[in-house]
């Protein structure tokens, strides 16, 4: 029970800090910040690959594979949005 309370406290604090940080970002910087953070979130992809490859059970393999799919979409989308935004600043 003590572990659950500690984990719940950390989760609530992380949600609060994340909400405060995101709401303080001006709208003009939100898209570049999010596209950059999505592009470098490859660490999620590494964790998903490790989870899928551990083969503890069929559930961990399925969840790991779905995490690989979603993390790959996130990373590729971040790179595409960042590339498009940088293209706006190129000289014609």
PDB file of N, CA and C in Angstrom:
ATOM      1  N   UNK A   1       0.824  -1.192   0.000  1.00  0.00           N
ATOM      2  CA  UNK A   1       0.000   0.000   0.000  1.00  0.00           C
ATOM      3  C   UNK A   1       0.872   1.261   0.000  1.00  0.00           C
ATOM      4  N   UNK A   2       1.992   1.181   0.716  1.00  0.00           N
ATOM      5  CA  UNK A   2       2.887   2.336   0.780  1.00  0.00           C
ATOM      6  C   UNK A   2       3.494   2.645  -0.588  1.00  0.00           C
ATOM      7  N   UNK A   3       3.828   1.606  -1.337  1.00  0.00           N
ATOM      8  CA  UNK A   3       4.361   1.788  -2.685  1.00  0.00           C
ATOM      9  C   UNK A   3       3.317   2.442  -3.595  1.00  0.00           C
ATOM     10  N   UNK A   4       2.061   2.043  -3.453  1.00  0.00           N
ATOM     11  CA  UNK A   4       0.989   2.628  -4.267  1.00  0.00           C
ATOM     12  C   UNK A   4       0.826   4.112  -3.971  1.00  0.00           C
ATOM     13  N   UNK A   5       0.866   4.481  -2.704  1.00  0.00           N
ATOM     14  CA  UNK A   5       0.720   5.892  -2.330  1.00  0.00           C
ATOM     15  C   UNK A   5       1.902   6.704  -2.857  1.00  0.00           C
ATOM     16  N   UNK A   6       3.100   6.169  -2.770  1.00  0.00           N
ATOM     17  CA  UNK A   6       4.275   6.862  -3.284  1.00  0.00           C
ATOM     18  C   UNK A   6       4.188   7.038  -4.795  1.00  0.00           C
ATOM     19  N   UNK A   7       3.803   5.982  -5.489  1.00  0.00           N
ATOM     20  CA  UNK A   7       3.671   6.048  -6.944  1.00  0.00           C
ATOM     21  C   UNK A   7       2.569   7.013  -7.352  1.00  0.00           C
ATOM     22  N   UNK A   8       1.457   6.994  -6.657  1.00  0.00           N
ATOM     23  CA  UNK A   8       0.356   7.917  -6.954  1.00  0.00           C
ATOM     24  C   UNK A   8       0.767   9.361  -6.702  1.00  0.00           C
ATOM     25  N   UNK A   9       1.522   9.607  -5.639  1.00  0.00           N
ATOM     26  CA  UNK A   9       1.997  10.958  -5.343  1.00  0.00           C
ATOM     27  C   UNK A   9       2.925  11.463  -6.449  1.00  0.00           C
ATOM     28  N   UNK A  10       3.839  10.618  -6.898  1.00  0.00           N
ATOM     29  CA  UNK A  10       4.749  11.003  -7.982  1.00  0.00           C
ATOM     30  C   UNK A  10       3.967  11.281  -9.258  1.00  0.00           C
ATOM     31  N   UNK A  11       2.962  10.453  -9.540  1.00  0.00           N
ATOM     32  CA  UNK A  11       2.155  10.656 -10.738  1.00  0.00           C
ATOM     33  C   UNK A  11       1.388  11.975 -10.681  1.00  0.00           C
ATOM     34  N   UNK A  12       0.776  12.275  -9.552  1.00  0.00           N
ATOM     35  CA  UNK A  12       0.011  13.524  -9.410  1.00  0.00           C
ATOM     36  C   UNK A  12       0.933  14.733  -9.526  1.00  0.00           C
ATOM     37  N   UNK A  13       2.103  14.676  -8.913  1.00  0.00           N
ATOM     38  CA  UNK A  13       3.059  15.777  -9.031  1.00  0.00           C
ATOM     39  C   UNK A  13       3.548  15.943 -10.470  1.00  0.00           C
ATOM     40  N   UNK A  14       3.778  14.838 -11.173  1.00  0.00           N
ATOM     41  CA  UNK A  14       4.211  14.916 -12.568  1.00  0.00           C
ATOM     42  C   UNK A  14       3.132  15.533 -13.451  1.00  0.00           C
ATOM     43  N   UNK A  15       1.875  15.175 -13.200  1.00  0.00           N
ATOM     44  CA  UNK A  15       0.770  15.767 -13.957  1.00  0.00           C
ATOM     45  C   UNK A  15       0.685  17.261 -13.690  1.00  0.00           C
ATOM     46  N   UNK A  16       0.814  17.658 -12.444  1.00  0.00           N
ATOM     47  CA  UNK A  16       0.739  19.079 -12.082  1.00  0.00           C
ATOM     48  C   UNK A  16       1.879  19.875 -12.720  1.00  0.00           C
ATOM     49  N   UNK A  17       3.097  19.365 -12.610  1.00  0.00           N
ATOM     50  CA  UNK A  17       4.254  20.060 -13.185  1.00  0.00           C
ATOM     51  C   UNK A  17       4.135  20.119 -14.707  1.00  0.00           C
ATOM     52  N   UNK A  18       3.731  19.018 -15.336  1.00  0.00           N
ATOM     53  CA  UNK A  18       3.557  19.005 -16.782  1.00  0.00           C
ATOM     54  C   UNK A  18       2.508  20.000 -17.239  1.00  0.00           C
ATOM     55  N   UNK A  19       1.397  20.082 -16.525  1.00  0.00           N
ATOM     56  CA  UNK A  19       0.342  21.039 -16.869  1.00  0.00           C
ATOM     57  C   UNK A  19       0.841  22.470 -16.738  1.00  0.00           C
ATOM     58  N   UNK A  20       1.553  22.758 -15.675  1.00  0.00           N
ATOM     59  CA  UNK A  20       2.077  24.107 -15.465  1.00  0.00           C
ATOM     60  C   UNK A  20       3.106  24.492 -16.525  1.00  0.00           C
ATOM     61  N   UNK A  21       3.957  23.560 -16.898  1.00  0.00           N
ATOM     62  CA  UNK A  21       4.981  23.855 -17.899  1.00  0.00           C
ATOM     63  C   UNK A  21       4.335  24.094 -19.262  1.00  0.00           C
ATOM     64  N   UNK A  22       3.394  23.256 -19.644  1.00  0.00           N
ATOM     65  CA  UNK A  22       2.767  23.382 -20.963  1.00  0.00           C
ATOM     66  C   UNK A  22       1.917  24.645 -21.056  1.00  0.00           C
ATOM     67  N   UNK A  23       1.219  25.012 -19.997  1.00  0.00           N
ATOM     68  CA  UNK A  23       0.369  26.207 -20.065  1.00  0.00           C
ATOM     69  C   UNK A  23       1.181  27.500 -20.080  1.00  0.00           C
ATOM     70  N   UNK A  24       2.426  27.451 -19.663  1.00  0.00           N
ATOM     71  CA  UNK A  24       3.267  28.655 -19.655  1.00  0.00           C
ATOM     72  C   UNK A  24       3.954  28.904 -20.992  1.00  0.00           C
ATOM     73  N   UNK A  25       3.888  27.939 -21.919  1.00  0.00           N
ATOM     74  CA  UNK A  25       4.515  28.097 -23.225  1.00  0.00           C
ATOM     75  C   UNK A  25       3.606  28.952 -24.106  1.00  0.00           C
ATOM     76  N   UNK A  26       4.141  30.029 -24.704  1.00  0.00           N
ATOM     77  CA  UNK A  26       3.300  30.858 -25.581  1.00  0.00           C
ATOM     78  C   UNK A  26       2.866  30.070 -26.821  1.00  0.00           C
ATOM     79  N   UNK A  27       1.692  30.398 -27.357  1.00  0.00           N
ATOM     80  CA  UNK A  27       1.184  29.645 -28.516  1.00  0.00           C
ATOM     81  C   UNK A  27       2.113  29.653 -29.726  1.00  0.00           C
ATOM     82  N   UNK A  28       2.889  30.716 -29.899  1.00  0.00           N
ATOM     83  CA  UNK A  28       3.786  30.763 -31.057  1.00  0.00           C
ATOM     84  C   UNK A  28       4.946  29.782 -30.930  1.00  0.00           C
ATOM     85  N   UNK A  29       5.269  29.367 -29.721  1.00  0.00           N
ATOM     86  CA  UNK A  29       6.359  28.406 -29.520  1.00  0.00           C
ATOM     87  C   UNK A  29       5.874  26.985 -29.290  1.00  0.00           C
ATOM     88  N   UNK A  30       4.567  26.792 -29.175  1.00  0.00           N
ATOM     89  CA  UNK A  30       4.053  25.476 -28.811  1.00  0.00           C
ATOM     90  C   UNK A  30       4.319  24.434 -29.898  1.00  0.00           C
ATOM     91  N   UNK A  31       4.026  24.764 -31.156  1.00  0.00           N
ATOM     92  CA  UNK A  31       4.224  23.793 -32.235  1.00  0.00           C
ATOM     93  C   UNK A  31       5.698  23.444 -32.429  1.00  0.00           C
ATOM     94  N   UNK A  32       6.619  24.425 -32.477  1.00  0.00           N
ATOM     95  CA  UNK A  32       8.037  24.032 -32.614  1.00  0.00           C
ATOM     96  C   UNK A  32       8.535  23.209 -31.433  1.00  0.00           C
ATOM     97  N   UNK A  33       8.089  23.555 -30.236  1.00  0.00           N
ATOM     98  CA  UNK A  33       8.522  22.817 -29.055  1.00  0.00           C
ATOM     99  C   UNK A  33       8.010  21.387 -29.089  1.00  0.00           C
ATOM    100  N   UNK A  34       6.754  21.207 -29.450  1.00  0.00           N
ATOM    101  CA  UNK A  34       6.176  19.872 -29.476  1.00  0.00           C
ATOM    102  C   UNK A  34       6.756  19.032 -30.611  1.00  0.00           C
ATOM    103  N   UNK A  35       6.981  19.642 -31.770  1.00  0.00           N
ATOM    104  CA  UNK A  35       7.536  18.856 -32.873  1.00  0.00           C
ATOM    105  C   UNK A  35       8.966  18.426 -32.550  1.00  0.00           C
ATOM    106  N   UNK A  36       9.722  19.299 -31.922  1.00  0.00           N
ATOM    107  CA  UNK A  36      11.078  18.936 -31.524  1.00  0.00           C
ATOM    108  C   UNK A  36      11.101  17.849 -30.477  1.00  0.00           C
ATOM    109  N   UNK A  37      10.217  17.948 -29.500  1.00  0.00           N
ATOM    110  CA  UNK A  37      10.191  16.921 -28.452  1.00  0.00           C
ATOM    111  C   UNK A  37       9.667  15.597 -28.993  1.00  0.00           C
ATOM    112  N   UNK A  38       8.744  15.645 -29.948  1.00  0.00           N
ATOM    113  CA  UNK A  38       8.288  14.402 -30.567  1.00  0.00           C
ATOM    114  C   UNK A  38       9.397  13.766 -31.401  1.00  0.00           C
ATOM    115  N   UNK A  39      10.176  14.588 -32.062  1.00  0.00           N
ATOM    116  CA  UNK A  39      11.244  14.058 -32.914  1.00  0.00           C
ATOM    117  C   UNK A  39      12.343  13.389 -32.088  1.00  0.00           C
ATOM    118  N   UNK A  40      12.587  13.865 -30.887  1.00  0.00           N
ATOM    119  CA  UNK A  40      13.652  13.275 -30.078  1.00  0.00           C
ATOM    120  C   UNK A  40      13.127  12.266 -29.060  1.00  0.00           C
ATOM    121  N   UNK A  41      11.862  11.893 -29.168  1.00  0.00           N
ATOM    122  CA  UNK A  41      11.324  10.935 -28.210  1.00  0.00           C
ATOM    123  C   UNK A  41      11.626   9.501 -28.613  1.00  0.00           C
ATOM    124  N   UNK A  42      12.740   9.305 -29.255  1.00  0.00           N
ATOM    125  CA  UNK A  42      13.164   7.968 -29.647  1.00  0.00           C
ATOM    126  C   UNK A  42      13.468   7.078 -28.459  1.00  0.00           C
ATOM    127  N   UNK A  43      13.683   7.656 -27.296  1.00  0.00           N
ATOM    128  CA  UNK A  43      13.928   6.845 -26.105  1.00  0.00           C
ATOM    129  C   UNK A  43      12.697   5.994 -25.784  1.00  0.00           C
ATOM    130  N   UNK A  44      11.524   6.499 -26.118  1.00  0.00           N
ATOM    131  CA  UNK A  44      10.301   5.712 -25.958  1.00  0.00           C
ATOM    132  C   UNK A  44      10.335   4.512 -26.882  1.00  0.00           C
ATOM    133  N   UNK A  45      10.847   4.724 -28.070  1.00  0.00           N
ATOM    134  CA  UNK A  45      10.960   3.635 -29.034  1.00  0.00           C
ATOM    135  C   UNK A  45      11.935   2.565 -28.537  1.00  0.00           C
ATOM    136  N   UNK A  46      13.029   2.980 -27.943  1.00  0.00           N
ATOM    137  CA  UNK A  46      13.991   2.018 -27.403  1.00  0.00           C
ATOM    138  C   UNK A  46      13.357   1.200 -26.274  1.00  0.00           C
ATOM    139  N   UNK A  47      12.629   1.872 -25.388  1.00  0.00           N
ATOM    140  CA  UNK A  47      11.946   1.156 -24.308  1.00  0.00           C
ATOM    141  C   UNK A  47      10.901   0.190 -24.830  1.00  0.00           C
ATOM    142  N   UNK A  48      10.195   0.582 -25.883  1.00  0.00           N
ATOM    143  CA  UNK A  48       9.183  -0.296 -26.473  1.00  0.00           C
ATOM    144  C   UNK A  48       9.828  -1.525 -27.106  1.00  0.00           C
ATOM    145  N   UNK A  49      10.966  -1.330 -27.750  1.00  0.00           N
ATOM    146  CA  UNK A  49      11.665  -2.465 -28.348  1.00  0.00           C
ATOM    147  C   UNK A  49      12.144  -3.427 -27.258  1.00  0.00           C
ATOM    148  N   UNK A  50      12.663  -2.880 -26.176  1.00  0.00           N
ATOM    149  CA  UNK A  50      13.098  -3.740 -25.066  1.00  0.00           C
ATOM    150  C   UNK A  50      11.929  -4.492 -24.451  1.00  0.00           C
ATOM    151  N   UNK A  51      10.776  -3.824 -24.339  1.00  0.00           N
ATOM    152  CA  UNK A  51       9.600  -4.461 -23.764  1.00  0.00           C
ATOM    153  C   UNK A  51       9.076  -5.573 -24.669  1.00  0.00           C
ATOM    154  N   UNK A  52       9.038  -5.304 -25.966  1.00  0.00           N
ATOM    155  CA  UNK A  52       8.534  -6.318 -26.891  1.00  0.00           C
ATOM    156  C   UNK A  52       9.495  -7.503 -26.986  1.00  0.00           C
ATOM    157  N   UNK A  53      10.776  -7.232 -26.877  1.00  0.00           N
ATOM    158  CA  UNK A  53      11.760  -8.296 -27.007  1.00  0.00           C
ATOM    159  C   UNK A  53      11.968  -9.125 -25.756  1.00  0.00           C
ATOM    160  N   UNK A  54      11.435  -8.673 -24.617  1.00  0.00           N
ATOM    161  CA  UNK A  54      11.664  -9.409 -23.376  1.00  0.00           C
ATOM    162  C   UNK A  54      10.893 -10.717 -23.332  1.00  0.00           C
ATOM    163  N   UNK A  55       9.761 -10.790 -23.989  1.00  0.00           N
ATOM    164  CA  UNK A  55       8.937 -11.998 -24.102  1.00  0.00           C
ATOM    165  C   UNK A  55       8.637 -12.644 -22.751  1.00  0.00           C
ATOM    166  N   UNK A  56       8.269 -11.821 -21.778  1.00  0.00           N
ATOM    167  CA  UNK A  56       7.848 -12.376 -20.489  1.00  0.00           C
ATOM    168  C   UNK A  56       6.517 -13.093 -20.633  1.00  0.00           C
ATOM    169  N   UNK A  57       5.629 -12.497 -21.407  1.00  0.00           N
ATOM    170  CA  UNK A  57       4.333 -13.119 -21.680  1.00  0.00           C
ATOM    171  C   UNK A  57       3.834 -12.589 -23.019  1.00  0.00           C
ATOM    172  N   UNK A  58       2.741 -13.144 -23.473  1.00  0.00           N
ATOM    173  CA  UNK A  58       2.158 -12.689 -24.738  1.00  0.00           C
ATOM    174  C   UNK A  58       1.664 -11.252 -24.605  1.00  0.00           C
ATOM    175  N   UNK A  59       1.191 -10.885 -23.423  1.00  0.00           N
ATOM    176  CA  UNK A  59       0.686  -9.525 -23.202  1.00  0.00           C
ATOM    177  C   UNK A  59       1.803  -8.489 -23.331  1.00  0.00           C
ATOM    178  N   UNK A  60       2.980  -8.782 -22.760  1.00  0.00           N
ATOM    179  CA  UNK A  60       4.081  -7.817 -22.867  1.00  0.00           C
ATOM    180  C   UNK A  60       4.568  -7.686 -24.305  1.00  0.00           C
ATOM    181  N   UNK A  61       4.528  -8.778 -25.052  1.00  0.00           N
ATOM    182  CA  UNK A  61       4.932  -8.714 -26.457  1.00  0.00           C
ATOM    183  C   UNK A  61       3.943  -7.892 -27.268  1.00  0.00           C
ATOM    184  N   UNK A  62       2.651  -8.090 -27.038  1.00  0.00           N
ATOM    185  CA  UNK A  62       1.620  -7.339 -27.763  1.00  0.00           C
ATOM    186  C   UNK A  62       1.670  -5.862 -27.396  1.00  0.00           C
ATOM    187  N   UNK A  63       1.757  -5.569 -26.109  1.00  0.00           N
ATOM    188  CA  UNK A  63       1.827  -4.165 -25.679  1.00  0.00           C
ATOM    189  C   UNK A  63       3.116  -3.510 -26.155  1.00  0.00           C
ATOM    190  N   UNK A  64       4.211  -4.248 -26.145  1.00  0.00           N
ATOM    191  CA  UNK A  64       5.471  -3.710 -26.643  1.00  0.00           C
ATOM    192  C   UNK A  64       5.411  -3.410 -28.124  1.00  0.00           C
ATOM    193  N   UNK A  65       4.789  -4.303 -28.891  1.00  0.00           N
ATOM    194  CA  UNK A  65       4.658  -4.062 -30.321  1.00  0.00           C
ATOM    195  C   UNK A  65       3.779  -2.851 -30.612  1.00  0.00           C
ATOM    196  N   UNK A  66       2.666  -2.725 -29.874  1.00  0.00           N
ATOM    197  CA  UNK A  66       1.801  -1.549 -30.081  1.00  0.00           C
ATOM    198  C   UNK A  66       2.526  -0.266 -29.669  1.00  0.00           C
ATOM    199  N   UNK A  67       3.362  -0.347 -28.637  1.00  0.00           N
ATOM    200  CA  UNK A  67       4.145   0.819 -28.242  1.00  0.00           C
ATOM    201  C   UNK A  67       5.174   1.174 -29.310  1.00  0.00           C
ATOM    202  N   UNK A  68       5.740   0.170 -29.973  1.00  0.00           N
ATOM    203  CA  UNK A  68       6.673   0.432 -31.076  1.00  0.00           C
ATOM    204  C   UNK A  68       5.967   1.159 -32.201  1.00  0.00           C
ATOM    205  N   UNK A  69       4.763   0.717 -32.539  1.00  0.00           N
ATOM    206  CA  UNK A  69       4.005   1.350 -33.624  1.00  0.00           C
ATOM    207  C   UNK A  69       3.705   2.808 -33.281  1.00  0.00           C
ATOM    208  N   UNK A  70       3.180   3.056 -32.078  1.00  0.00           N
ATOM    209  CA  UNK A  70       2.806   4.422 -31.704  1.00  0.00           C
ATOM    210  C   UNK A  70       4.029   5.327 -31.538  1.00  0.00           C
ATOM    211  N   UNK A  71       5.103   4.814 -30.980  1.00  0.00           N
ATOM    212  CA  UNK A  71       6.312   5.620 -30.821  1.00  0.00           C
ATOM    213  C   UNK A  71       6.923   5.951 -32.173  1.00  0.00           C
ATOM    214  N   UNK A  72       6.871   5.013 -33.113  1.00  0.00           N
ATOM    215  CA  UNK A  72       7.392   5.278 -34.453  1.00  0.00           C
ATOM    216  C   UNK A  72       6.575   6.362 -35.146  1.00  0.00           C
ATOM    217  N   UNK A  73       5.256   6.299 -35.006  1.00  0.00           N
ATOM    218  CA  UNK A  73       4.391   7.346 -35.569  1.00  0.00           C
ATOM    219  C   UNK A  73       4.739   8.697 -34.956  1.00  0.00           C
ATOM    220  N   UNK A  74       4.978   8.716 -33.657  1.00  0.00           N
ATOM    221  CA  UNK A  74       5.313   9.957 -32.966  1.00  0.00           C
ATOM    222  C   UNK A  74       6.646  10.533 -33.447  1.00  0.00           C
ATOM    223  N   UNK A  75       7.648   9.692 -33.569  1.00  0.00           N
ATOM    224  CA  UNK A  75       8.967  10.162 -33.995  1.00  0.00           C
ATOM    225  C   UNK A  75       8.929  10.649 -35.446  1.00  0.00           C
ATOM    226  N   UNK A  76       8.313   9.869 -36.334  1.00  0.00           N
ATOM    227  CA  UNK A  76       8.248  10.265 -37.743  1.00  0.00           C
ATOM    228  C   UNK A  76       7.420  11.537 -37.900  1.00  0.00           C
ATOM    229  N   UNK A  77       6.312  11.626 -37.187  1.00  0.00           N
ATOM    230  CA  UNK A  77       5.493  12.839 -37.247  1.00  0.00           C
ATOM    231  C   UNK A  77       6.240  14.058 -36.746  1.00  0.00           C
ATOM    232  N   UNK A  78       7.014  13.898 -35.695  1.00  0.00           N
ATOM    233  CA  UNK A  78       7.810  15.010 -35.178  1.00  0.00           C
ATOM    234  C   UNK A  78       8.840  15.484 -36.184  1.00  0.00           C
ATOM    235  N   UNK A  79       9.503  14.531 -36.847  1.00  0.00           N
ATOM    236  CA  UNK A  79      10.473  14.921 -37.861  1.00  0.00           C
ATOM    237  C   UNK A  79       9.802  15.605 -39.049  1.00  0.00           C
ATOM    238  N   UNK A  80       8.639  15.112 -39.469  1.00  0.00           N
ATOM    239  CA  UNK A  80       7.949  15.718 -40.609  1.00  0.00           C
ATOM    240  C   UNK A  80       7.490  17.138 -40.303  1.00  0.00           C
ATOM    241  N   UNK A  81       6.929  17.346 -39.112  1.00  0.00           N
ATOM    242  CA  UNK A  81       6.473  18.692 -38.741  1.00  0.00           C
ATOM    243  C   UNK A  81       7.666  19.633 -38.611  1.00  0.00           C
ATOM    244  N   UNK A  82       8.747  19.163 -37.996  1.00  0.00           N
ATOM    245  CA  UNK A  82       9.940  20.006 -37.861  1.00  0.00           C
ATOM    246  C   UNK A  82      10.517  20.353 -39.227  1.00  0.00           C
ATOM    247  N   UNK A  83      10.579  19.383 -40.132  1.00  0.00           N
ATOM    248  CA  UNK A  83      11.091  19.639 -41.480  1.00  0.00           C
ATOM    249  C   UNK A  83      10.220  20.655 -42.218  1.00  0.00           C
ATOM    250  N   UNK A  84       8.929  20.528 -42.061  1.00  0.00           N
ATOM    251  CA  UNK A  84       8.012  21.471 -42.714  1.00  0.00           C
ATOM    252  C   UNK A  84       8.165  22.879 -42.145  1.00  0.00           C
ATOM    253  N   UNK A  85       8.323  22.990 -40.834  1.00  0.00           N
ATOM    254  CA  UNK A  85       8.487  24.299 -40.219  1.00  0.00           C
ATOM    255  C   UNK A  85       9.800  24.931 -40.642  1.00  0.00           C
ATOM    256  N   UNK A  86      10.873  24.156 -40.705  1.00  0.00           N
ATOM    257  CA  UNK A  86      12.143  24.711 -41.134  1.00  0.00           C
ATOM    258  C   UNK A  86      12.093  25.124 -42.595  1.00  0.00           C
ATOM    259  N   UNK A  87      11.290  24.444 -43.400  1.00  0.00           N
ATOM    260  CA  UNK A  87      11.126  24.819 -44.796  1.00  0.00           C
ATOM    261  C   UNK A  87      10.467  26.178 -44.961  1.00  0.00           C
ATOM    262  N   UNK A  88       9.706  26.604 -43.984  1.00  0.00           N
ATOM    263  CA  UNK A  88       9.049  27.919 -44.049  1.00  0.00           C
ATOM    264  C   UNK A  88      10.062  29.047 -43.961  1.00  0.00           C
ATOM    265  N   UNK A  89      11.232  28.783 -43.393  1.00  0.00           N
ATOM    266  CA  UNK A  89      12.222  29.836 -43.200  1.00  0.00           C
ATOM    267  C   UNK A  89      13.321  29.824 -44.264  1.00  0.00           C
ATOM    268  N   UNK A  90      13.217  28.923 -45.226  1.00  0.00           N
ATOM    269  CA  UNK A  90      14.211  28.880 -46.297  1.00  0.00           C
ATOM    270  C   UNK A  90      13.919  29.960 -47.316  1.00  0.00           C
ATOM    271  N   UNK A  91      14.983  30.437 -47.920  1.00  0.00           N
ATOM    272  CA  UNK A  91      14.817  31.433 -48.986  1.00  0.00           C
ATOM    273  C   UNK A  91      14.334  30.732 -50.239  1.00  0.00           C
ATOM    274  N   UNK A  92      13.490  31.388 -50.949  1.00  0.00           N
ATOM    275  CA  UNK A  92      12.927  30.808 -52.182  1.00  0.00           C
ATOM    276  C   UNK A  92      13.870  30.978 -53.337  1.00  0.00           C
TER     277      UNK A  92
END
